[in-house]
Protein backbone atom coordinates (compact mmCIF):
# COMPACT_ATOMS: atom_id res chain seq x y z
CA MET A 1 92.44 173.31 -42.85
CA TYR A 2 95.33 171.37 -44.30
CA PRO A 3 95.05 167.76 -45.46
CA GLU A 4 96.63 164.90 -43.58
CA PRO A 5 100.30 164.31 -44.47
CA THR A 6 100.67 161.21 -46.62
CA GLY A 7 104.45 160.81 -46.64
CA LYS A 8 105.53 157.18 -46.63
CA THR A 9 108.92 157.82 -45.02
CA PRO A 10 109.49 159.66 -41.72
CA CYS A 11 111.32 162.47 -43.52
CA ASP A 12 108.48 163.03 -46.01
CA PHE A 13 105.94 162.98 -43.20
CA LEU A 14 107.90 165.59 -41.20
CA GLN A 15 108.33 167.88 -44.19
CA GLN A 16 104.62 167.80 -45.02
CA LEU A 17 103.71 168.24 -41.37
CA PHE A 18 105.85 171.35 -40.84
CA ALA A 19 105.28 172.94 -44.24
CA PRO A 20 102.35 175.16 -43.05
CA PHE A 21 104.40 176.46 -40.11
CA ALA A 22 106.72 178.29 -42.52
CA THR A 23 104.11 181.02 -43.08
CA GLN A 24 101.52 180.69 -40.29
CA SER A 25 101.53 180.52 -36.52
CA ARG A 26 98.13 178.78 -36.13
CA VAL A 27 97.54 175.70 -38.24
CA ARG A 28 94.69 173.20 -38.35
CA LEU A 29 95.54 169.66 -39.41
CA GLU A 30 93.34 166.63 -39.89
CA LEU A 31 95.28 163.58 -38.74
CA SER A 32 94.55 159.97 -38.00
CA GLN A 33 94.92 158.84 -34.40
CA GLN A 34 98.35 157.25 -34.96
CA LYS A 35 99.82 160.22 -36.79
CA LYS A 36 98.24 162.59 -34.29
CA LEU A 37 100.25 160.97 -31.49
CA ILE A 38 103.43 161.17 -33.59
CA ALA A 39 102.91 164.85 -34.38
CA VAL A 40 102.12 165.82 -30.80
CA GLU A 41 105.16 163.98 -29.45
CA ILE A 42 107.45 165.59 -32.04
CA LEU A 43 106.20 169.08 -31.23
CA ARG A 44 106.47 168.57 -27.49
CA GLN A 45 110.03 167.27 -27.74
CA ARG A 46 111.13 170.22 -29.86
CA GLY A 47 109.36 172.86 -27.78
CA ARG A 48 107.65 174.32 -30.84
CA ALA A 49 104.05 174.17 -29.64
CA THR A 50 102.83 176.12 -26.63
CA GLY A 51 99.46 174.39 -26.80
CA VAL A 52 97.87 171.44 -28.59
CA GLU A 53 94.08 171.68 -28.73
CA ALA A 54 91.65 169.09 -30.12
CA CYS A 55 89.00 170.51 -32.42
CA GLU A 56 85.65 169.11 -33.55
CA LEU A 57 85.52 165.61 -35.02
CA GLY A 58 86.05 165.33 -38.72
CA SER A 59 84.66 162.76 -41.09
CA PHE A 60 84.31 159.25 -39.69
CA GLY A 61 85.10 160.50 -36.20
CA VAL A 62 88.75 161.35 -36.93
CA PRO A 63 89.83 164.15 -34.54
CA ARG A 64 91.37 167.32 -35.86
CA LEU A 65 94.22 169.13 -34.12
CA ILE A 66 95.04 172.79 -33.81
CA PHE A 67 98.68 173.75 -33.09
CA HIS A 68 99.38 177.18 -31.60
CA ILE A 69 102.93 178.37 -32.24
CA SER A 70 104.09 181.11 -29.89
CA SER A 71 105.55 184.16 -31.65
CA ALA A 72 108.20 184.39 -28.92
CA ILE A 73 109.71 181.09 -30.02
CA PRO A 74 111.93 181.32 -33.11
CA ARG A 75 110.32 179.81 -36.19
CA ARG A 76 113.53 178.21 -37.41
CA GLU A 77 114.45 175.09 -35.42
CA GLU A 78 117.84 173.49 -36.00
CA GLY A 79 116.57 169.95 -35.75
CA LEU A 80 113.29 170.38 -37.66
CA SER A 81 113.87 173.39 -39.86
CA TYR A 82 111.95 173.80 -43.10
CA GLY A 83 113.66 175.61 -45.91
CA GLY A 84 116.88 177.52 -45.84
CA GLU A 85 120.35 176.15 -45.31
CA LYS A 86 120.51 173.05 -43.14
CA THR A 87 123.10 172.85 -40.39
CA ALA A 88 125.43 169.88 -40.33
CA VAL A 89 124.90 166.81 -38.16
CA ILE A 90 127.73 165.91 -35.75
CA PHE A 91 128.29 162.36 -34.50
CA ASP A 92 130.84 161.43 -31.84
CA ILE A 93 130.69 157.63 -31.80
CA GLY A 94 132.55 156.59 -28.69
CA VAL A 95 133.16 153.08 -27.44
CA ALA A 96 130.57 153.35 -24.66
CA PHE A 97 128.37 156.33 -25.61
CA THR A 98 127.52 158.25 -28.77
CA LYS A 99 126.90 161.99 -28.84
CA CYS A 100 124.73 163.35 -31.65
CA GLY A 101 123.37 166.77 -32.44
CA PHE A 102 123.61 169.74 -34.76
CA ALA A 103 126.38 172.22 -35.46
CA ALA A 104 126.27 175.63 -33.74
CA GLU A 105 124.47 174.19 -30.72
CA ASN A 106 125.84 174.38 -27.18
CA ALA A 107 125.53 170.66 -26.42
CA PRO A 108 124.58 167.41 -28.14
CA GLN A 109 120.88 166.75 -28.22
CA PHE A 110 121.26 163.10 -27.27
CA ILE A 111 123.89 160.95 -25.54
CA ILE A 112 122.98 157.30 -26.02
CA PRO A 113 124.82 153.97 -25.56
CA THR A 114 126.74 152.82 -28.63
CA GLU A 115 124.62 149.69 -28.88
CA VAL A 116 122.12 148.21 -31.29
CA ARG A 117 120.15 144.97 -31.56
CA LYS A 118 121.12 142.53 -34.27
CA ARG A 119 118.39 141.73 -36.72
CA LYS A 120 118.88 137.95 -36.74
CA THR A 121 119.47 137.20 -33.06
CA GLY A 122 117.98 140.25 -31.33
CA GLN A 123 121.11 140.46 -29.17
CA LEU A 124 122.16 143.89 -27.92
CA VAL A 125 125.76 144.44 -29.06
CA ASN A 126 128.29 147.26 -29.07
CA ILE A 127 128.97 148.34 -32.64
CA HIS A 128 132.73 148.60 -32.05
CA LYS A 129 132.85 144.93 -31.06
CA CYS A 130 131.47 144.03 -34.49
CA CYS A 131 134.64 145.23 -36.26
CA SER A 132 136.07 141.71 -36.12
CA GLU A 133 133.02 140.26 -37.86
CA THR A 134 132.36 140.01 -41.59
CA PRO A 135 131.90 143.26 -43.55
CA GLN A 136 128.26 142.37 -44.18
CA ASP A 137 127.52 141.98 -40.46
CA LEU A 138 129.28 145.24 -39.59
CA ARG A 139 127.44 147.06 -42.35
CA SER A 140 124.08 145.72 -41.14
CA VAL A 141 124.81 146.84 -37.58
CA LEU A 142 125.89 150.32 -38.71
CA VAL A 143 122.81 150.72 -40.93
CA ASP A 144 120.54 150.02 -37.97
CA PHE A 145 122.53 152.25 -35.62
CA VAL A 146 122.63 155.23 -38.00
CA HIS A 147 118.90 154.75 -38.67
CA ARG A 148 118.31 155.08 -34.95
CA LEU A 149 120.32 158.31 -34.81
CA TYR A 150 118.49 159.93 -37.71
CA PHE A 151 114.89 158.75 -37.31
CA ARG A 152 114.52 158.09 -33.58
CA GLN A 153 116.76 160.77 -32.08
CA LEU A 154 117.41 163.69 -34.46
CA LEU A 155 114.33 163.32 -36.71
CA VAL A 156 115.93 164.81 -39.82
CA ASN A 157 116.40 163.78 -43.43
CA PRO A 158 119.96 162.48 -43.94
CA LYS A 159 119.92 163.53 -47.60
CA GLU A 160 119.73 167.22 -46.67
CA ARG A 161 122.56 167.59 -44.14
CA CYS A 162 126.30 167.16 -44.18
CA VAL A 163 127.86 164.89 -41.58
CA VAL A 164 130.85 165.44 -39.28
CA ILE A 165 132.24 162.34 -37.55
CA VAL A 166 134.42 163.09 -34.53
CA GLU A 167 136.81 160.17 -34.12
CA SER A 168 139.97 159.19 -32.31
CA MET A 169 142.76 158.73 -34.81
CA LEU A 170 144.42 156.19 -32.50
CA THR A 171 141.46 153.87 -31.80
CA THR A 172 139.17 153.96 -34.85
CA THR A 173 140.12 151.26 -37.35
CA THR A 174 140.23 151.83 -41.09
CA HIS A 175 137.74 149.00 -41.60
CA PHE A 176 135.21 150.69 -39.31
CA ARG A 177 135.75 154.13 -40.88
CA ASN A 178 135.38 152.86 -44.45
CA THR A 179 132.25 150.85 -43.64
CA LEU A 180 130.65 153.81 -41.87
CA ALA A 181 131.40 156.11 -44.81
CA ASP A 182 129.98 153.52 -47.22
CA VAL A 183 126.76 153.30 -45.18
CA LEU A 184 126.34 157.08 -45.03
CA PHE A 185 127.00 157.64 -48.73
CA LYS A 186 125.33 154.64 -50.36
CA HIS A 187 122.52 153.77 -47.96
CA TYR A 188 121.52 157.18 -46.58
CA GLU A 189 122.86 159.32 -49.46
CA VAL A 190 124.29 162.12 -47.32
CA PRO A 191 125.83 165.08 -49.22
CA SER A 192 129.26 164.86 -47.58
CA VAL A 193 131.15 163.28 -44.69
CA VAL A 194 134.08 164.74 -42.77
CA PHE A 195 136.12 162.69 -40.28
CA ALA A 196 137.56 165.09 -37.70
CA PRO A 197 140.25 164.00 -35.18
CA GLY A 198 138.88 164.43 -31.68
CA HIS A 199 142.15 165.62 -30.16
CA LEU A 200 142.23 168.54 -32.63
CA VAL A 201 138.59 169.63 -32.60
CA CYS A 202 138.54 169.81 -28.79
CA LEU A 203 141.05 172.66 -29.09
CA PHE A 204 138.56 174.50 -31.32
CA THR A 205 136.17 174.52 -28.36
CA LEU A 206 138.78 176.33 -26.27
CA GLY A 207 139.91 178.64 -29.05
CA VAL A 208 143.58 177.63 -28.77
CA SER A 209 145.94 175.85 -31.14
CA THR A 210 148.38 174.29 -28.67
CA GLY A 211 147.67 171.80 -25.93
CA LEU A 212 148.36 168.40 -24.44
CA ILE A 213 145.15 166.43 -24.78
CA MET A 214 144.43 163.50 -22.47
CA ASP A 215 141.30 161.53 -23.39
CA VAL A 216 140.19 159.26 -20.53
CA GLY A 217 137.51 157.19 -22.20
CA TYR A 218 136.06 153.74 -21.65
CA THR A 219 138.66 151.23 -22.83
CA GLU A 220 141.88 153.24 -22.76
CA THR A 221 143.50 156.57 -22.03
CA THR A 222 145.33 158.37 -24.83
CA VAL A 223 147.61 161.41 -24.69
CA MET A 224 148.39 163.49 -27.77
CA PRO A 225 150.49 166.69 -27.83
CA VAL A 226 149.36 169.29 -30.36
CA PHE A 227 151.48 172.36 -31.16
CA GLU A 228 150.11 175.12 -33.37
CA GLY A 229 147.44 172.81 -34.77
CA THR A 230 149.87 170.00 -35.64
CA ALA A 231 149.85 166.71 -33.75
CA ILE A 232 153.23 165.48 -32.51
CA LEU A 233 152.71 161.84 -33.40
CA LYS A 234 156.05 160.60 -32.12
CA ALA A 235 155.10 161.66 -28.58
CA TRP A 236 151.62 160.11 -28.30
CA GLN A 237 150.96 157.77 -25.38
CA ALA A 238 148.27 155.20 -24.60
CA LEU A 239 147.44 152.95 -21.67
CA PRO A 240 144.52 150.49 -21.19
CA LEU A 241 143.41 152.20 -17.98
CA ALA A 242 140.03 153.92 -18.18
CA GLY A 243 136.38 153.34 -17.33
CA LYS A 244 136.47 149.61 -18.14
CA ALA A 245 139.32 149.04 -15.64
CA ILE A 246 137.26 150.81 -12.96
CA HIS A 247 134.25 148.61 -13.76
CA ASP A 248 136.30 145.41 -13.49
CA TYR A 249 137.78 146.43 -10.15
CA LEU A 250 134.40 147.57 -8.85
CA GLU A 251 132.70 144.30 -9.83
CA ALA A 252 135.40 142.21 -8.14
CA SER A 253 135.20 144.33 -4.96
CA LEU A 254 131.40 144.14 -4.80
CA LYS A 255 131.41 140.37 -5.19
CA GLN A 256 134.05 140.01 -2.51
CA SER A 257 132.80 142.26 0.26
CA SER A 258 129.35 143.72 -0.46
CA SER A 259 126.11 142.27 0.89
CA VAL A 260 122.52 142.46 -0.30
CA GLU A 261 119.56 142.77 2.04
CA GLY A 262 115.90 142.38 1.29
CA GLY A 263 113.30 139.67 1.11
CA GLU A 264 112.95 136.77 3.51
CA SER A 265 116.48 135.45 3.08
CA GLY A 266 118.13 138.31 4.99
CA ASP A 267 121.63 139.61 4.23
CA LYS A 268 123.61 137.59 1.71
CA PRO A 269 126.73 138.25 -0.38
CA ILE A 270 126.01 139.90 -3.70
CA SER A 271 127.72 136.99 -5.49
CA SER A 272 124.92 134.67 -4.33
CA PHE A 273 122.34 136.68 -6.31
CA MET A 274 124.19 137.29 -9.57
CA ASP A 275 127.16 135.73 -11.34
CA SER A 276 128.04 138.98 -13.11
CA ILE A 277 126.92 142.55 -12.58
CA ASP A 278 125.43 144.34 -15.56
CA GLU A 279 127.58 147.04 -17.15
CA SER A 280 124.86 149.67 -16.75
CA ILE A 281 124.66 148.99 -12.99
CA LEU A 282 128.42 149.31 -12.63
CA GLU A 283 128.36 152.58 -14.55
CA ASP A 284 125.60 153.94 -12.33
CA ILE A 285 127.37 152.90 -9.11
CA LYS A 286 130.61 154.47 -10.34
CA VAL A 287 128.92 157.77 -11.15
CA ARG A 288 126.70 157.98 -8.07
CA CYS A 289 128.85 156.49 -5.33
CA CYS A 290 132.56 156.49 -6.23
CA PHE A 291 135.08 159.32 -6.21
CA VAL A 292 138.81 159.90 -6.61
CA THR A 293 140.53 160.34 -3.28
CA SER A 294 143.40 162.75 -2.65
CA HIS A 295 147.07 161.88 -3.03
CA GLU A 296 147.59 162.15 0.72
CA ARG A 297 144.76 159.71 1.49
CA ALA A 298 146.07 157.25 -1.10
CA THR A 299 149.52 157.37 0.52
CA MET A 300 147.93 156.72 3.92
CA TYR A 301 146.02 153.75 2.52
CA ASN A 302 149.20 152.23 1.12
CA ALA A 303 150.98 152.71 4.45
CA ASN A 304 147.99 151.31 6.34
CA GLU A 305 148.17 148.02 4.43
CA VAL A 306 151.45 147.31 6.24
CA SER A 307 150.43 148.58 9.69
CA THR A 308 147.73 147.15 11.94
CA SER A 309 145.80 150.33 12.77
CA PRO A 310 142.67 150.73 10.61
CA LEU A 311 142.14 153.89 8.56
CA GLU A 312 138.75 155.48 8.89
CA GLY A 313 137.02 155.87 5.55
CA PRO A 314 133.91 157.57 4.19
CA PRO A 315 130.46 156.28 5.16
CA ALA A 316 128.85 153.35 3.39
CA VAL A 317 125.89 153.89 1.08
CA ARG A 318 122.87 151.79 0.16
CA TYR A 319 122.24 151.15 -3.52
CA PRO A 320 118.82 149.79 -4.66
CA LEU A 321 118.84 146.79 -6.99
CA LYS A 322 115.98 145.05 -8.76
CA GLY A 323 112.95 144.33 -6.65
CA ASP A 324 113.23 145.03 -2.93
CA ARG A 325 116.92 144.20 -2.71
CA VAL A 326 119.38 146.81 -1.51
CA ALA A 327 123.16 146.49 -1.77
CA THR A 328 125.48 148.03 0.82
CA ILE A 329 128.59 149.64 -0.70
CA SER A 330 131.30 150.25 1.85
CA GLY A 331 133.24 153.48 2.09
CA LYS A 332 136.47 151.66 1.25
CA ILE A 333 135.04 150.51 -2.09
CA ARG A 334 133.78 154.01 -2.86
CA GLU A 335 137.19 155.54 -2.20
CA ARG A 336 139.53 152.83 -3.49
CA THR A 337 137.80 151.89 -6.76
CA CYS A 338 139.33 154.69 -8.84
CA GLU A 339 142.84 154.02 -7.50
CA VAL A 340 143.35 151.59 -10.38
CA LEU A 341 143.90 154.61 -12.65
CA PHE A 342 146.82 155.95 -10.60
CA GLU A 343 148.53 152.75 -9.48
CA GLU A 344 151.64 152.01 -11.49
CA ASP A 345 151.70 148.84 -13.58
CA CYS A 346 154.63 146.44 -13.96
CA GLU A 347 156.36 148.97 -16.22
CA GLY A 348 155.86 151.85 -13.78
CA ARG A 349 153.25 153.60 -15.95
CA SER A 350 150.14 155.43 -14.78
CA LEU A 351 148.00 158.33 -15.98
CA ALA A 352 150.44 160.87 -14.60
CA SER A 353 153.42 159.19 -16.23
CA LEU A 354 151.63 159.27 -19.61
CA ILE A 355 151.55 163.07 -19.54
CA LEU A 356 155.16 163.37 -18.42
CA ASP A 357 156.35 160.85 -21.02
CA ALA A 358 154.51 162.75 -23.76
CA ILE A 359 156.13 166.02 -22.67
CA LEU A 360 159.53 164.36 -22.43
CA GLN A 361 159.31 162.99 -25.99
CA SER A 362 158.24 166.35 -27.42
CA PRO A 363 160.80 168.91 -28.66
CA ILE A 364 162.48 170.72 -25.79
CA ASP A 365 161.23 174.18 -26.77
CA MET A 366 157.59 172.99 -26.64
CA ARG A 367 157.59 171.30 -23.25
CA ARG A 368 156.77 174.26 -21.04
CA THR A 369 153.97 175.40 -23.35
CA LEU A 370 152.43 171.93 -23.38
CA ALA A 371 152.63 171.62 -19.57
CA GLU A 372 150.74 174.90 -19.24
CA ASN A 373 147.99 173.83 -21.66
CA LEU A 374 146.66 170.51 -20.35
CA VAL A 375 143.27 169.51 -21.76
CA ILE A 376 141.60 166.60 -19.93
CA ILE A 377 138.53 165.20 -21.69
CA GLY A 378 136.50 162.00 -21.61
CA GLY A 379 133.65 160.73 -19.45
CA THR A 380 135.90 159.06 -16.86
CA SER A 381 137.65 162.37 -16.15
CA MET A 382 134.34 163.74 -14.81
CA LEU A 383 134.68 161.69 -11.61
CA PRO A 384 134.78 163.93 -8.52
CA GLY A 385 138.34 164.78 -7.53
CA PHE A 386 139.96 163.50 -10.74
CA ASN A 387 141.70 166.71 -11.86
CA HIS A 388 142.89 167.53 -8.34
CA ARG A 389 144.39 164.06 -7.92
CA LEU A 390 146.01 164.14 -11.36
CA ARG A 391 147.66 167.48 -10.57
CA SER A 392 149.06 166.10 -7.30
CA GLU A 393 150.34 162.98 -9.05
CA LEU A 394 152.11 165.08 -11.68
CA TYR A 395 154.01 167.11 -9.10
CA ALA A 396 154.86 163.96 -7.13
CA HIS A 397 156.20 162.16 -10.22
CA LEU A 398 158.14 165.23 -11.29
CA LYS A 399 160.24 164.98 -8.11
CA GLN A 400 161.22 161.37 -8.83
CA PRO A 401 163.68 159.99 -11.40
CA PRO A 402 163.86 159.92 -14.35
CA TYR A 403 161.65 163.03 -14.63
CA SER A 404 163.49 165.01 -11.95
CA GLU A 405 166.70 164.71 -14.00
CA LYS A 406 165.25 165.48 -17.44
CA LEU A 407 162.31 167.86 -16.90
CA SER A 408 162.21 171.30 -15.31
CA LEU A 409 158.61 172.50 -15.39
CA PRO A 410 157.47 175.34 -13.12
CA ALA A 411 153.75 174.53 -13.19
CA PHE A 412 150.97 172.43 -14.73
CA LYS A 413 147.90 174.33 -15.83
CA PHE A 414 144.52 172.80 -16.75
CA HIS A 415 142.08 174.39 -19.16
CA LYS A 416 138.52 175.05 -18.06
CA TYR A 417 135.86 174.19 -20.62
CA PRO A 418 132.58 175.86 -21.58
CA ALA A 419 130.99 172.41 -21.56
CA LYS A 420 131.20 169.07 -19.80
CA ALA A 421 134.34 167.07 -20.37
CA ASN A 422 132.55 164.17 -22.05
CA TYR A 423 131.43 166.23 -25.08
CA VAL A 424 134.15 168.87 -25.44
CA ALA A 425 135.33 167.13 -28.63
CA TRP A 426 131.77 167.01 -30.02
CA LEU A 427 131.37 170.74 -29.37
CA GLY A 428 134.54 171.46 -31.34
CA GLY A 429 133.19 169.52 -34.31
């Protein structure tokens, strides 16, 4: 029987807890009730223990635990390994969500919102929105957020593992990068930190060195051509059309035409129940109910706005809200919400024009290669029908001036990924 771990910090407690497992497959530990619950939860989350059995009561009625480790399960666990070389930790801190996990794994272990509660006010804030605040406030927010990643999600000692930060070289500010590096080095004492550009590491996932990367994120869409591992900076494009634009359009449409039923009041407009719709609800409605319609249907919708004959749309769906209230989302909202990404702005720019402009500003001998190596990443690009619509928009724009006069491209080819589009860059890190 091994004594109860006495580590004061979570890392010390984990090291003492897993030390016997390095040489034995059946270990008896005497733990207090609080630490027993912590140990059982850790083992269940990691899949290490095939059975947790309570033994006879120890002194003063403290229960003892016996952990049975199956021989079929590898002893060495990436997240909670004991001894040997530690794999690096990879963080992809996006504007809306953060991906965290370990190198050499097929997917991030956790995808969580990039939010943390402030110590003074208790307000839940996005860490990227704190860049405009004082350095002390930003540092405090980053300390709490990184603590959550290490000790509530990954459960590893930051002093033992190198860190890889996947970032966008066009959106991450120098102030944010320097503060994050200062927090990792001085507060958590990590061995090393590497900042990897997301548009380059996503090519590592595909095993290619040339591609035109479009990142459709939360606040904006960026396009960066890369040829033989070198970014063509003069040809990069950006447009503030992404997930946030879809949320704004969806919220305005729901307030204008959607109704809520439930309770004794009957059907009422959704604007009578809430002044603003929470961002998490909008994200869930977008993922569950909305889709990107085809180019032909979008053309019919635009022509139908002038004519008087109605265009039949997809069926409406019912979305449950808090309590017994249920919102009705019409088929028109489901189909038209994502059109904001493909409608041209006052300058005639859309997602399709970003790709064509980037190709047009690249050297002439690279254009065909870039058009045949399109890499579309980002969470918003996972909407149903997105890639099909983008392909149709590219061919339609290519037939119109000025692209029809300056570009001659036989085909556009999209890469297929071994992972989901929202963490392709993380996987390359």
